[in-house]
Protein backbone atom coordinates (compact mmCIF):
# COMPACT_ATOMS: atom_id res chain seq x y z
CA MET A 1 -2.36 56.85 -9.89
CA LYS A 2 -0.80 56.00 -6.57
CA LEU A 3 2.54 54.34 -6.31
CA SER A 4 4.48 52.50 -3.65
CA ILE A 5 8.06 51.93 -4.72
CA VAL A 6 10.50 49.41 -3.35
CA PHE A 7 14.01 50.01 -4.62
CA LEU A 8 16.99 47.76 -5.04
CA LEU A 9 19.75 48.05 -2.50
CA CYS A 10 22.36 48.72 -5.11
CA CYS A 11 25.78 47.73 -3.98
CA SER A 12 29.28 48.79 -4.93
CA TYR A 13 30.58 46.93 -7.93
CA VAL A 14 33.51 46.46 -10.19
CA THR A 15 32.76 46.25 -13.90
CA THR A 16 34.71 43.68 -15.87
CA SER A 17 34.64 43.69 -19.63
CA VAL A 18 36.29 41.58 -22.31
CA ALA A 19 36.68 42.12 -26.00
CA ALA A 20 35.01 39.00 -27.31
CA SER A 21 33.71 37.70 -30.57
CA VAL A 22 31.29 35.01 -29.52
CA ARG A 23 30.37 32.64 -32.31
CA GLY A 24 26.71 31.70 -32.18
CA ASN A 25 26.21 33.19 -28.70
CA ASP A 26 25.21 30.31 -26.46
CA ALA A 27 24.84 32.37 -23.32
CA GLU A 28 21.59 31.33 -21.69
CA GLY A 29 19.76 28.07 -21.69
CA ARG A 30 22.89 26.01 -22.32
CA VAL A 31 24.23 23.91 -19.48
CA LEU A 32 27.66 25.02 -18.27
CA LYS A 33 29.18 21.89 -16.81
CA LYS A 34 31.62 21.94 -13.95
CA GLY A 35 35.18 21.24 -14.93
CA SER A 36 38.71 20.96 -13.68
CA LYS A 37 40.28 24.36 -13.19
CA LYS A 38 43.64 22.93 -14.19
CA ALA A 39 42.31 21.49 -17.44
CA SER A 40 40.37 24.65 -18.21
CA LYS A 41 43.41 26.86 -17.73
CA LYS A 42 45.49 24.58 -19.90
CA GLY A 43 42.96 24.74 -22.73
CA SER A 44 42.59 28.50 -22.42
CA LYS A 45 46.34 29.05 -22.53
CA LYS A 46 46.69 26.89 -25.61
CA ALA A 47 43.91 28.72 -27.44
CA ALA A 48 45.23 32.12 -26.41
CA GLU A 49 48.71 31.27 -27.61
CA SER A 50 47.35 30.17 -31.00
CA TYR A 51 45.49 33.43 -31.57
CA GLY A 52 46.94 35.39 -34.43
CA LYS A 53 49.32 32.66 -35.52
CA LYS A 54 49.39 31.30 -39.03
CA SER A 55 48.11 27.83 -39.76
CA LYS A 56 50.25 25.33 -41.66
CA LYS A 57 48.21 26.13 -44.76
CA GLY A 58 48.95 29.84 -44.44
CA GLY A 59 45.61 31.03 -43.10
CA ASP A 60 44.95 32.81 -39.84
CA MET A 61 44.03 30.67 -36.85
CA THR A 62 41.10 32.48 -35.27
CA PRO A 63 39.68 31.01 -32.06
CA GLY A 64 36.03 31.24 -31.02
CA PHE A 65 36.70 34.31 -28.91
CA VAL A 66 39.45 36.68 -27.92
CA PHE A 67 40.63 36.01 -24.39
CA SER A 68 40.67 38.84 -21.87
CA THR A 69 44.33 38.05 -21.18
CA ARG A 70 45.21 39.61 -24.52
CA LYS A 71 44.75 43.12 -25.81
CA PRO A 72 41.54 43.69 -27.77
CA PRO A 73 41.75 43.68 -31.57
CA ALA A 74 42.80 46.92 -33.19
CA GLY A 75 40.01 48.94 -34.76
CA VAL A 76 37.22 51.39 -34.04
CA ASN A 77 34.87 50.69 -31.15
CA ILE A 78 31.57 51.66 -32.75
CA CYS A 79 29.79 51.44 -29.39
CA ALA A 80 31.99 53.98 -27.60
CA SER A 81 29.92 56.75 -25.97
CA LYS A 82 26.66 55.36 -27.40
CA GLY A 83 25.33 55.38 -23.84
CA ASP A 84 25.69 59.18 -23.75
CA PRO A 85 24.08 61.52 -23.08
CA ARG A 86 22.92 59.77 -19.94
CA PHE A 87 19.32 60.20 -18.90
CA GLU A 88 19.15 62.13 -15.65
CA ASN A 89 17.29 60.71 -12.67
CA ILE A 90 13.77 62.07 -12.24
CA ASN A 91 11.44 62.77 -9.33
CA CYS A 92 9.17 59.79 -8.69
CA PHE A 93 6.18 61.80 -7.54
CA ALA A 94 4.27 64.85 -8.64
CA ASP A 95 4.12 67.96 -6.49
CA ASP A 96 1.34 66.45 -4.35
CA GLY A 97 3.72 63.71 -3.24
CA VAL A 98 1.13 61.05 -4.04
CA ASP A 99 0.63 60.76 -7.78
CA VAL A 100 3.37 59.40 -9.99
CA ALA A 101 5.23 62.12 -11.87
CA GLU A 102 4.87 62.30 -15.62
CA GLY A 103 7.38 60.14 -17.48
CA VAL A 104 8.16 57.80 -14.57
CA GLY A 105 8.18 54.16 -15.59
CA GLY A 106 8.15 51.05 -13.42
CA GLN A 107 11.10 50.86 -11.05
CA ALA A 108 13.10 47.77 -10.09
CA GLY A 109 11.92 46.09 -6.90
CA VAL A 110 13.97 44.23 -4.28
CA ASN A 111 11.89 41.25 -3.20
CA VAL A 112 12.03 38.24 -5.55
CA THR A 113 10.79 35.71 -2.97
CA LYS A 114 8.53 33.15 -4.63
CA GLY A 115 4.89 34.05 -4.00
CA TYR A 116 5.63 37.64 -2.94
CA ASN A 117 3.30 40.22 -4.44
CA GLY A 118 4.15 43.90 -4.37
CA ASN A 119 1.60 46.70 -4.54
CA LEU A 120 2.68 48.23 -7.84
CA ASN A 121 0.98 47.01 -10.99
CA ALA A 122 3.47 46.81 -13.85
CA ASP A 123 2.21 47.91 -17.25
CA HIS A 124 4.66 45.89 -19.34
CA GLU A 125 5.39 42.21 -19.97
CA PRO A 126 8.96 41.01 -19.37
CA ILE A 127 10.83 38.57 -21.57
CA LYS A 128 9.89 35.15 -20.16
CA VAL A 129 12.24 32.99 -22.22
CA PRO A 130 16.06 32.85 -22.37
CA TYR A 131 17.31 36.13 -23.79
CA TYR A 132 19.26 34.55 -26.63
CA THR A 133 16.01 33.22 -28.14
CA LYS A 134 14.95 36.85 -28.62
CA GLY A 135 18.22 38.01 -30.15
CA LEU A 136 19.71 39.60 -27.02
CA CYS A 137 23.37 39.07 -26.21
CA PRO A 138 25.36 39.84 -23.04
CA VAL A 139 27.16 43.18 -23.34
CA ASN A 140 28.81 43.38 -19.91
CA VAL A 141 29.33 41.45 -16.68
CA HIS A 142 29.84 43.03 -13.27
CA TRP A 143 29.41 42.07 -9.62
CA HIS A 144 28.04 43.67 -6.47
CA LEU A 145 29.26 43.12 -2.92
CA GLY A 146 26.21 41.80 -1.07
CA THR A 147 22.96 41.34 -2.93
CA GLU A 148 20.71 43.92 -4.50
CA HIS A 149 17.76 41.56 -4.38
CA TYR A 150 16.04 39.87 -1.45
CA SER A 151 14.98 36.20 -1.47
CA LEU A 152 13.62 34.99 1.86
CA GLY A 153 15.61 32.04 3.18
CA GLN A 154 18.27 32.37 0.48
CA PHE A 155 19.74 35.87 0.70
CA ASP A 156 18.12 38.09 3.29
CA GLU A 157 18.78 40.07 6.48
CA THR A 158 19.73 36.87 8.38
CA GLY A 159 22.55 35.94 5.98
CA THR A 160 26.17 35.93 7.16
CA GLY A 161 29.71 35.95 5.84
CA PRO A 162 33.35 36.31 6.91
CA THR A 163 32.74 40.04 7.39
CA PRO A 164 29.52 42.08 7.46
CA VAL A 165 28.90 43.64 4.06
CA GLU A 166 27.51 46.74 5.75
CA HIS A 167 30.91 47.54 7.26
CA ARG A 168 32.78 47.00 3.99
CA ARG A 169 30.25 49.00 2.00
CA ARG A 170 30.46 51.93 4.40
CA LEU A 171 34.25 51.90 4.03
CA ALA A 172 33.61 52.22 0.29
CA GLY A 173 31.35 55.22 0.89
CA LYS A 174 28.09 53.35 0.29
CA ALA A 175 25.11 53.91 2.57
CA ARG A 176 23.03 50.83 1.83
CA LYS A 177 23.74 47.48 3.38
CA GLY A 178 22.80 44.79 0.87
CA TYR A 179 21.96 41.22 1.87
CA GLN A 180 24.00 38.06 2.35
CA CYS A 181 23.46 34.36 1.67
CA LYS A 182 22.93 31.84 4.46
CA LEU A 183 25.53 29.31 3.29
CA PHE A 184 28.61 30.57 5.15
CA ASP A 185 29.94 28.15 7.79
CA GLU A 186 33.13 29.12 9.60
CA ASP A 187 33.74 25.45 10.47
CA GLU A 188 33.94 24.36 6.81
CA SER A 189 37.27 24.97 5.10
CA MET A 190 35.74 25.84 1.72
CA TYR A 191 34.42 29.06 3.29
CA THR A 192 37.61 30.04 5.12
CA THR A 193 40.64 28.77 3.15
CA PRO A 194 42.40 31.84 1.70
CA TYR A 195 42.63 32.25 -2.06
CA ASP A 196 45.36 34.11 -3.94
CA TRP A 197 43.28 36.59 -5.97
CA LYS A 198 44.94 37.61 -9.23
CA TYR A 199 42.31 39.92 -10.72
CA CYS A 200 39.29 40.35 -8.43
CA VAL A 201 41.18 42.31 -5.80
CA GLY A 202 39.37 42.74 -2.50
CA MET A 203 36.99 39.79 -2.89
CA GLU A 204 36.54 37.39 0.03
CA ILE A 205 36.14 33.64 0.29
CA GLY A 206 32.81 32.94 2.00
CA GLN A 207 31.34 36.31 0.99
CA THR A 208 28.14 36.98 -0.96
CA TYR A 209 28.21 38.59 -4.41
CA GLU A 210 25.47 39.28 -6.91
CA VAL A 211 26.57 39.06 -10.54
CA HIS A 212 24.74 40.94 -13.31
CA TRP A 213 24.80 40.35 -17.05
CA PRO A 214 23.18 43.26 -18.94
CA HIS A 215 21.84 41.99 -22.29
CA SER A 216 20.69 43.86 -25.35
CA ALA A 217 19.34 43.26 -28.83
CA LEU A 218 20.90 46.64 -29.64
CA GLY A 219 24.42 45.44 -28.83
CA ASP A 220 27.01 44.74 -31.50
CA CYS A 221 26.51 41.01 -30.91
CA GLY A 222 29.05 38.51 -32.21
CA THR A 223 31.79 41.09 -32.77
CA PRO A 224 34.77 42.36 -30.76
CA ASN A 225 32.54 45.29 -29.73
CA GLN A 226 29.94 43.10 -28.01
CA TYR A 227 31.20 43.61 -24.45
CA GLN A 228 31.41 47.19 -23.25
CA THR A 229 32.20 49.25 -20.19
CA PRO A 230 30.30 51.30 -19.20
CA PHE A 231 27.55 48.83 -19.99
CA TYR A 232 25.24 51.57 -21.32
CA ASP A 233 27.49 51.75 -24.39
CA GLY A 234 26.81 48.10 -25.13
CA VAL A 235 23.11 48.25 -24.29
CA LEU A 236 22.47 51.23 -26.59
CA CYS A 237 25.11 50.60 -29.25
CA LEU A 238 22.81 50.15 -32.27
CA PRO A 239 19.47 51.84 -31.46
CA ASP A 240 18.17 51.46 -35.03
CA ARG A 241 17.76 47.75 -34.29
CA MET A 242 14.98 48.45 -31.79
CA VAL A 243 11.88 46.35 -32.46
CA GLY A 244 8.99 46.67 -30.04
CA ASP A 245 9.31 48.22 -26.59
CA LEU A 246 12.45 48.73 -24.53
CA GLN A 247 11.82 45.71 -22.28
CA ASP A 248 11.71 43.52 -25.40
CA ASN A 249 15.24 44.64 -26.31
CA VAL A 250 17.05 45.15 -23.00
CA GLY A 251 17.28 42.81 -20.02
CA VAL A 252 19.51 41.90 -17.11
CA GLN A 253 20.32 38.47 -15.74
CA SER A 254 21.18 38.19 -12.05
CA GLN A 255 22.64 35.31 -10.05
CA VAL A 256 23.83 35.28 -6.44
CA TYR A 257 26.85 33.35 -5.20
CA THR A 258 28.77 32.56 -2.06
CA ILE A 259 32.42 32.31 -3.14
CA VAL A 260 34.14 29.13 -1.93
CA ASN A 261 37.63 27.70 -2.24
CA ASP A 262 36.64 24.27 -3.55
CA GLU A 263 37.12 23.12 -7.13
CA ASP A 264 34.04 20.90 -6.92
CA TYR A 265 32.15 24.16 -7.49
CA TYR A 266 34.35 25.48 -10.27
CA TYR A 267 32.77 26.66 -13.54
CA PRO A 268 34.99 27.73 -16.46
CA ASP A 269 33.05 30.62 -17.99
CA MET A 270 31.00 33.39 -16.40
CA PHE A 271 31.08 35.83 -19.31
CA LYS A 272 28.22 34.52 -21.43
CA GLY A 273 25.47 34.62 -18.82
CA MET A 274 24.18 33.00 -15.65
CA THR A 275 25.20 29.42 -14.94
CA VAL A 276 22.57 26.80 -15.80
CA ASP A 277 23.41 23.46 -14.18
CA GLY A 278 21.45 21.37 -11.66
CA ASN A 279 19.40 23.81 -9.60
CA MET A 280 21.37 26.78 -10.92
CA GLY A 281 19.38 29.04 -13.23
CA GLN A 282 16.09 27.20 -12.64
CA ASP A 283 14.00 29.18 -10.14
CA ILE A 284 13.82 32.54 -11.89
CA ALA A 285 11.85 35.68 -11.03
CA MET A 286 10.96 37.57 -14.22
CA PHE A 287 9.68 41.13 -14.11
CA THR A 288 10.01 44.58 -15.64
CA GLY A 289 11.83 47.30 -13.77
CA SER A 290 14.58 49.84 -14.30
CA THR A 291 18.31 50.26 -14.05
CA THR A 292 19.52 50.55 -10.48
CA GLY A 293 22.05 52.47 -8.44
CA THR A 294 22.52 54.20 -5.12
CA SER A 295 21.60 57.52 -6.74
CA ARG A 296 17.98 56.28 -6.82
CA ASN A 297 15.69 55.82 -3.83
CA ASN A 298 12.01 56.06 -2.88
CA THR A 299 11.74 59.60 -4.21
CA ILE A 300 14.32 59.71 -7.02
CA CYS A 301 13.63 57.36 -9.93
CA SER A 302 15.62 55.95 -12.84
CA ALA A 303 14.67 57.16 -16.31
CA TYR A 304 15.90 53.89 -17.84
CA SER A 305 12.62 51.98 -17.77
CA PRO A 306 11.07 49.55 -18.51
CA ILE A 307 13.65 46.80 -18.92
CA THR A 308 13.38 43.06 -18.23
CA TRP A 309 14.92 41.43 -15.18
CA GLN A 310 15.50 37.67 -14.78
CA VAL A 311 16.76 36.94 -11.26
CA ASP A 312 17.75 33.54 -9.87
CA ARG A 313 16.05 33.27 -6.46
CA VAL A 314 18.57 30.75 -5.08
CA CYS A 315 22.05 31.39 -3.65
CA HIS A 316 24.70 29.11 -5.12
CA LYS A 317 28.26 28.12 -4.28
CA ILE A 318 30.92 28.90 -6.86
CA SER A 319 34.65 28.39 -6.58
CA ALA A 320 37.17 31.18 -6.82
């Protein structure tokens, strides 16, 4: 069997995790409406302050989830180190350099442009419905500077930003460039007005970021152990729950944003999955692939395969 592999341009990322107990996980498929940042912060502060307090009737007041501004609940993290031992990368090809090496599964491709056909036939069916309908829950959220994926006319080699991602990535010791959206306009204030970052240090207004939400049916869904870092611990937390093949149990959501300083594009919650509102979360590429990373290339493959990918092909504005 011959193989032509196109790999993701995996970018540097910061992993953010939150100890959360999500009641009736409503991650995907539910519309996340835009809202006032001021009102959202006010509501969040009120709920956070009420956590752990006693009600007038003497019972505990337990909110729908534990906010990341507070320490996680005390107790044992049953998912800790469940992602170990890590599977080592493997050679993609046999000694002849042509045939696929034994044990190599389908690898994650870059191009998600509508109508694009690669030259590798995948042997597995991805999940083609919202993950929550199949019992998967988000177990981590992290972002990449520049995009891993390529969508012609949306995020590609002609995209721009306040600074070239290639320069910033090289400063971070990364070799691959990544792509940028085409929304940036230096004459519009939403793309240039500075923002006082409190947590996402080093991010830029007007810059392109790709956000990933690893999901798993093997996660400790609906408990304080649901969200994990590293994400492998969440993905592989409860392996005895595996039903079917790996791509039926593990998937990643991906959505690309240009960050703006404009509250008209503010959304209150990015922990539960990609945003579904208007044209957001509508034009989705669904395929099987692998985990990604700059340690993999056209000769070194990931052993974590096959998994499902659901990638939004459109670049969207979202407010800091």
